[in-house]
C-alpha atoms as a PDB file:
ATOM      1  CA  MET A   1      10.153  12.657   0.937  1.00  0.00           C
ATOM      2  CA  ILE A   2      11.989   9.598  -0.231  1.00  0.00           C
ATOM      3  CA  THR A   3      13.845   9.800  -3.588  1.00  0.00           C
ATOM      4  CA  GLY A   4      14.092   7.048  -6.199  1.00  0.00           C
ATOM      5  CA  ARG A   5      16.738   4.376  -5.691  1.00  0.00           C
ATOM      6  CA  THR A   6      20.100   4.822  -7.416  1.00  0.00           C
ATOM      7  CA  GLY A   7      20.544   2.711 -10.574  1.00  0.00           C
ATOM      8  CA  LEU A   8      16.822   3.067 -11.609  1.00  0.00           C
ATOM      9  CA  THR A   9      15.961   5.153 -14.606  1.00  0.00           C
ATOM     10  CA  GLY A  10      14.274   8.525 -14.468  1.00  0.00           C
ATOM     11  CA  SER A  11      11.859   9.152 -11.699  1.00  0.00           C
ATOM     12  CA  VAL A  12      11.065   5.456 -11.002  1.00  0.00           C
ATOM     13  CA  GLY A  13      10.529   4.980  -7.236  1.00  0.00           C
ATOM     14  CA  LYS A  14      10.147   8.629  -6.377  1.00  0.00           C
ATOM     15  CA  THR A  15       7.546   9.525  -3.791  1.00  0.00           C
ATOM     16  CA  ARG A  16       5.491  12.441  -2.653  1.00  0.00           C
ATOM     17  CA  SER A  17       2.878  13.192  -0.163  1.00  0.00           C
ATOM     18  CA  CYS A  18      -0.919  12.986  -1.133  1.00  0.00           C
ATOM     19  CA  PRO A  19      -2.294  16.438  -0.805  1.00  0.00           C
ATOM     20  CA  HIS A  20      -5.464  15.014   0.701  1.00  0.00           C
ATOM     21  CA  CYS A  21      -4.393  12.497   3.321  1.00  0.00           C
ATOM     22  CA  LYS A  22      -0.672  13.198   3.565  1.00  0.00           C
ATOM     23  CA  ALA A  23       0.183   9.479   2.915  1.00  0.00           C
ATOM     24  CA  THR A  24       3.524   8.742   1.203  1.00  0.00           C
ATOM     25  CA  ILE A  25       2.729   7.611  -2.292  1.00  0.00           C
ATOM     26  CA  LEU A  26       4.545   7.142  -5.640  1.00  0.00           C
ATOM     27  CA  GLU A  27       5.053  10.399  -7.596  1.00  0.00           C
ATOM     28  CA  SER A  28       3.495   8.697 -10.626  1.00  0.00           C
ATOM     29  CA  ALA A  29       0.199   7.689  -8.920  1.00  0.00           C
ATOM     30  CA  LEU A  30      -3.048   8.907 -10.519  1.00  0.00           C
ATOM     31  CA  ILE A  31      -5.179   7.953  -7.569  1.00  0.00           C
ATOM     32  CA  CYS A  32      -3.898   7.809  -3.833  1.00  0.00           C
ATOM     33  CA  PRO A  33      -4.021   4.161  -2.802  1.00  0.00           C
ATOM     34  CA  GLN A  34      -4.719   5.282   0.855  1.00  0.00           C
ATOM     35  CA  CYS A  35      -7.626   7.806   0.427  1.00  0.00           C
ATOM     36  CA  ARG A  36      -8.578   6.971  -3.115  1.00  0.00           C
ATOM     37  CA  HIS A  37      -8.707  10.684  -4.187  1.00  0.00           C
ATOM     38  CA  HIS A  38      -7.733  11.465  -7.749  1.00  0.00           C
ATOM     39  CA  LEU A  39      -4.452  13.365  -7.873  1.00  0.00           C
ATOM     40  CA  GLN A  40      -3.900  14.264 -11.585  1.00  0.00           C
ATOM     41  CA  PHE A  41      -6.295  15.530 -14.204  1.00  0.00           C
ATOM     42  CA  GLY A  42      -6.114  16.535 -17.890  1.00  0.00           C
ATOM     43  CA  ALA A  43      -2.790  16.481 -19.618  1.00  0.00           C
ATOM     44  CA  ALA A  44      -0.907  15.538 -16.312  1.00  0.00           C
ATOM     45  CA  SER A  45      -3.229  12.540 -16.160  1.00  0.00           C
ATOM     46  CA  LYS A  46      -2.512  11.498 -19.737  1.00  0.00           C
ATOM     47  CA  ALA A  47       1.234  11.797 -19.282  1.00  0.00           C
ATOM     48  CA  ALA A  48       1.185   9.644 -16.192  1.00  0.00           C
ATOM     49  CA  SER A  49      -1.063   6.988 -17.531  1.00  0.00           C
ATOM     50  CA  ASP A  50       1.819   4.729 -18.366  1.00  0.00           C
ATOM     51  CA  ALA A  51       2.395   4.407 -14.593  1.00  0.00           C
ATOM     52  CA  THR A  52      -0.987   3.185 -13.504  1.00  0.00           C
ATOM     53  CA  PRO A  53      -1.151  -0.181 -12.000  1.00  0.00           C
ATOM     54  CA  LYS A  54      -0.829  -2.945 -14.592  1.00  0.00           C
ATOM     55  CA  PHE A  55      -1.417  -5.992 -12.414  1.00  0.00           C
ATOM     56  CA  SER A  56      -1.521  -7.163  -8.891  1.00  0.00           C
ATOM     57  CA  ALA A  57       1.569  -9.233  -8.121  1.00  0.00           C
ATOM     58  CA  LEU A  58       0.203 -10.298  -4.684  1.00  0.00           C
ATOM     59  CA  ASN A  59      -3.275 -10.478  -3.298  1.00  0.00           C
ATOM     60  CA  VAL A  60      -3.875 -12.143   0.136  1.00  0.00           C
ATOM     61  CA  GLU A  61      -7.089 -12.050   2.169  1.00  0.00           C
ATOM     62  CA  GLY A  62      -7.805 -13.730   5.457  1.00  0.00           C
ATOM     63  CA  THR A  63     -10.455 -13.601   8.174  1.00  0.00           C
ATOM     64  CA  LEU A  64      -9.910 -13.659  11.848  1.00  0.00           C
ATOM     65  CA  ARG A  65     -12.892 -15.044  13.776  1.00  0.00           C
ATOM     66  CA  HIS A  66     -13.186 -14.801  17.511  1.00  0.00           C
ATOM     67  CA  SER A  67     -14.404 -18.009  19.015  1.00  0.00           C
ATOM     68  CA  GLU A  68     -17.405 -18.065  21.295  1.00  0.00           C
ATOM     69  CA  ARG A  69     -15.215 -18.929  24.303  1.00  0.00           C
ATOM     70  CA  GLY A  70     -12.891 -16.607  26.051  1.00  0.00           C
ATOM     71  CA  GLY A  71     -12.673 -12.949  26.606  1.00  0.00           C
ATOM     72  CA  ASP A  72     -12.013 -10.051  24.198  1.00  0.00           C
ATOM     73  CA  TRP A  73      -9.088 -10.116  21.824  1.00  0.00           C
ATOM     74  CA  GLU A  74      -6.923  -7.284  20.790  1.00  0.00           C
ATOM     75  CA  TYR A  75      -4.948  -7.278  17.494  1.00  0.00           C
ATOM     76  CA  SER A  76      -2.273  -5.285  15.633  1.00  0.00           C
ATOM     77  CA  VAL A  77      -1.790  -5.441  11.946  1.00  0.00           C
ATOM     78  CA  VAL A  78       1.913  -5.180  11.153  1.00  0.00           C
ATOM     79  CA  LEU A  79       3.413  -4.878   7.728  1.00  0.00           C
ATOM     80  CA  SER A  80       7.098  -5.631   7.302  1.00  0.00           C
ATOM     81  CA  ILE A  81       8.972  -5.403   3.913  1.00  0.00           C
ATOM     82  CA  ARG A  82      12.326  -7.174   3.499  1.00  0.00           C
ATOM     83  CA  ASN A  83      14.837  -6.972   0.661  1.00  0.00           C
ATOM     84  CA  GLU A  84      16.446  -9.889  -1.326  1.00  0.00           C
ATOM     85  CA  ARG A  85      18.915 -10.324   1.653  1.00  0.00           C
ATOM     86  CA  GLY A  86      16.219 -10.681   4.136  1.00  0.00           C
ATOM     87  CA  GLU A  87      16.989  -7.300   5.780  1.00  0.00           C
ATOM     88  CA  GLU A  88      13.963  -5.457   6.947  1.00  0.00           C
ATOM     89  CA  ILE A  89      13.693  -2.159   5.209  1.00  0.00           C
ATOM     90  CA  SER A  90      10.310  -1.048   6.439  1.00  0.00           C
ATOM     91  CA  ARG A  91       7.851  -1.933   9.335  1.00  0.00           C
ATOM     92  CA  GLN A  92       4.660  -0.275  10.116  1.00  0.00           C
ATOM     93  CA  VAL A  93       1.669  -0.865  12.287  1.00  0.00           C
ATOM     94  CA  VAL A  94      -1.233  -0.284   9.909  1.00  0.00           C
ATOM     95  CA  GLY A  95      -4.127  -1.005  12.175  1.00  0.00           C
ATOM     96  CA  VAL A  96      -5.133  -2.038  15.724  1.00  0.00           C
ATOM     97  CA  GLY A  97      -8.384  -3.034  17.142  1.00  0.00           C
ATOM     98  CA  ALA A  98     -10.385  -5.419  19.310  1.00  0.00           C
ATOM     99  CA  LEU A  99     -12.780  -8.459  18.798  1.00  0.00           C
ATOM    100  CA  ARG A 100     -15.535  -9.493  21.113  1.00  0.00           C
ATOM    101  CA  ASN A 101     -17.036 -12.894  21.147  1.00  0.00           C
ATOM    102  CA  THR A 102     -18.395 -14.021  17.704  1.00  0.00           C
ATOM    103  CA  GLU A 103     -16.946 -10.892  15.895  1.00  0.00           C
ATOM    104  CA  ALA A 104     -14.712 -11.168  12.872  1.00  0.00           C
ATOM    105  CA  ARG A 105     -12.324  -8.999  10.790  1.00  0.00           C
ATOM    106  CA  THR A 106     -11.221  -9.521   7.199  1.00  0.00           C
ATOM    107  CA  PHE A 107      -7.768  -8.320   6.171  1.00  0.00           C
ATOM    108  CA  THR A 108      -6.565  -7.844   2.649  1.00  0.00           C
ATOM    109  CA  LEU A 109      -3.015  -7.143   1.371  1.00  0.00           C
ATOM    110  CA  SER A 110      -2.265  -6.425  -2.223  1.00  0.00           C
ATOM    111  CA  VAL A 111       0.867  -5.439  -3.967  1.00  0.00           C
ATOM    112  CA  ASP A 112      -0.144  -3.448  -7.235  1.00  0.00           C
ATOM    113  CA  VAL A 113       2.638  -3.138  -9.796  1.00  0.00           C
ATOM    114  CA  ALA A 114       3.084  -0.289 -12.210  1.00  0.00           C
ATOM    115  CA  THR A 115       5.330  -0.231 -15.265  1.00  0.00           C
ATOM    116  CA  PRO A 116       6.403   3.286 -15.639  1.00  0.00           C
ATOM    117  CA  GLY A 117       7.284   4.182 -19.275  1.00  0.00           C
ATOM    118  CA  GLY A 118       5.375   1.282 -20.610  1.00  0.00           C
ATOM    119  CA  ARG A 119       8.073  -1.307 -19.792  1.00  0.00           C
END
């Protein structure tokens, strides 16, 4: 698991594995963003409620439509995260697939922000 970044307070940024789907998620998450299973109940849920997403800092949606001409298309959905210096710190292929004539796929990207400790 990845530990929180140095210079941040407390457990901000610490991660763990979802017990259901094994995705790497924030330790403070109440619901897994991957499989959407509830992770904490009762007192643990109340204690972690300050870390629930407060707003979406970015939400982008787009549709890829295949034209009626041409053969099948293949696609890869690649997510790249860069720091303030433009250095790539993470890159993942999050989906692949194919489109036949007149098919379409819609892709949505959101960045949900939590404010641990009510900040």
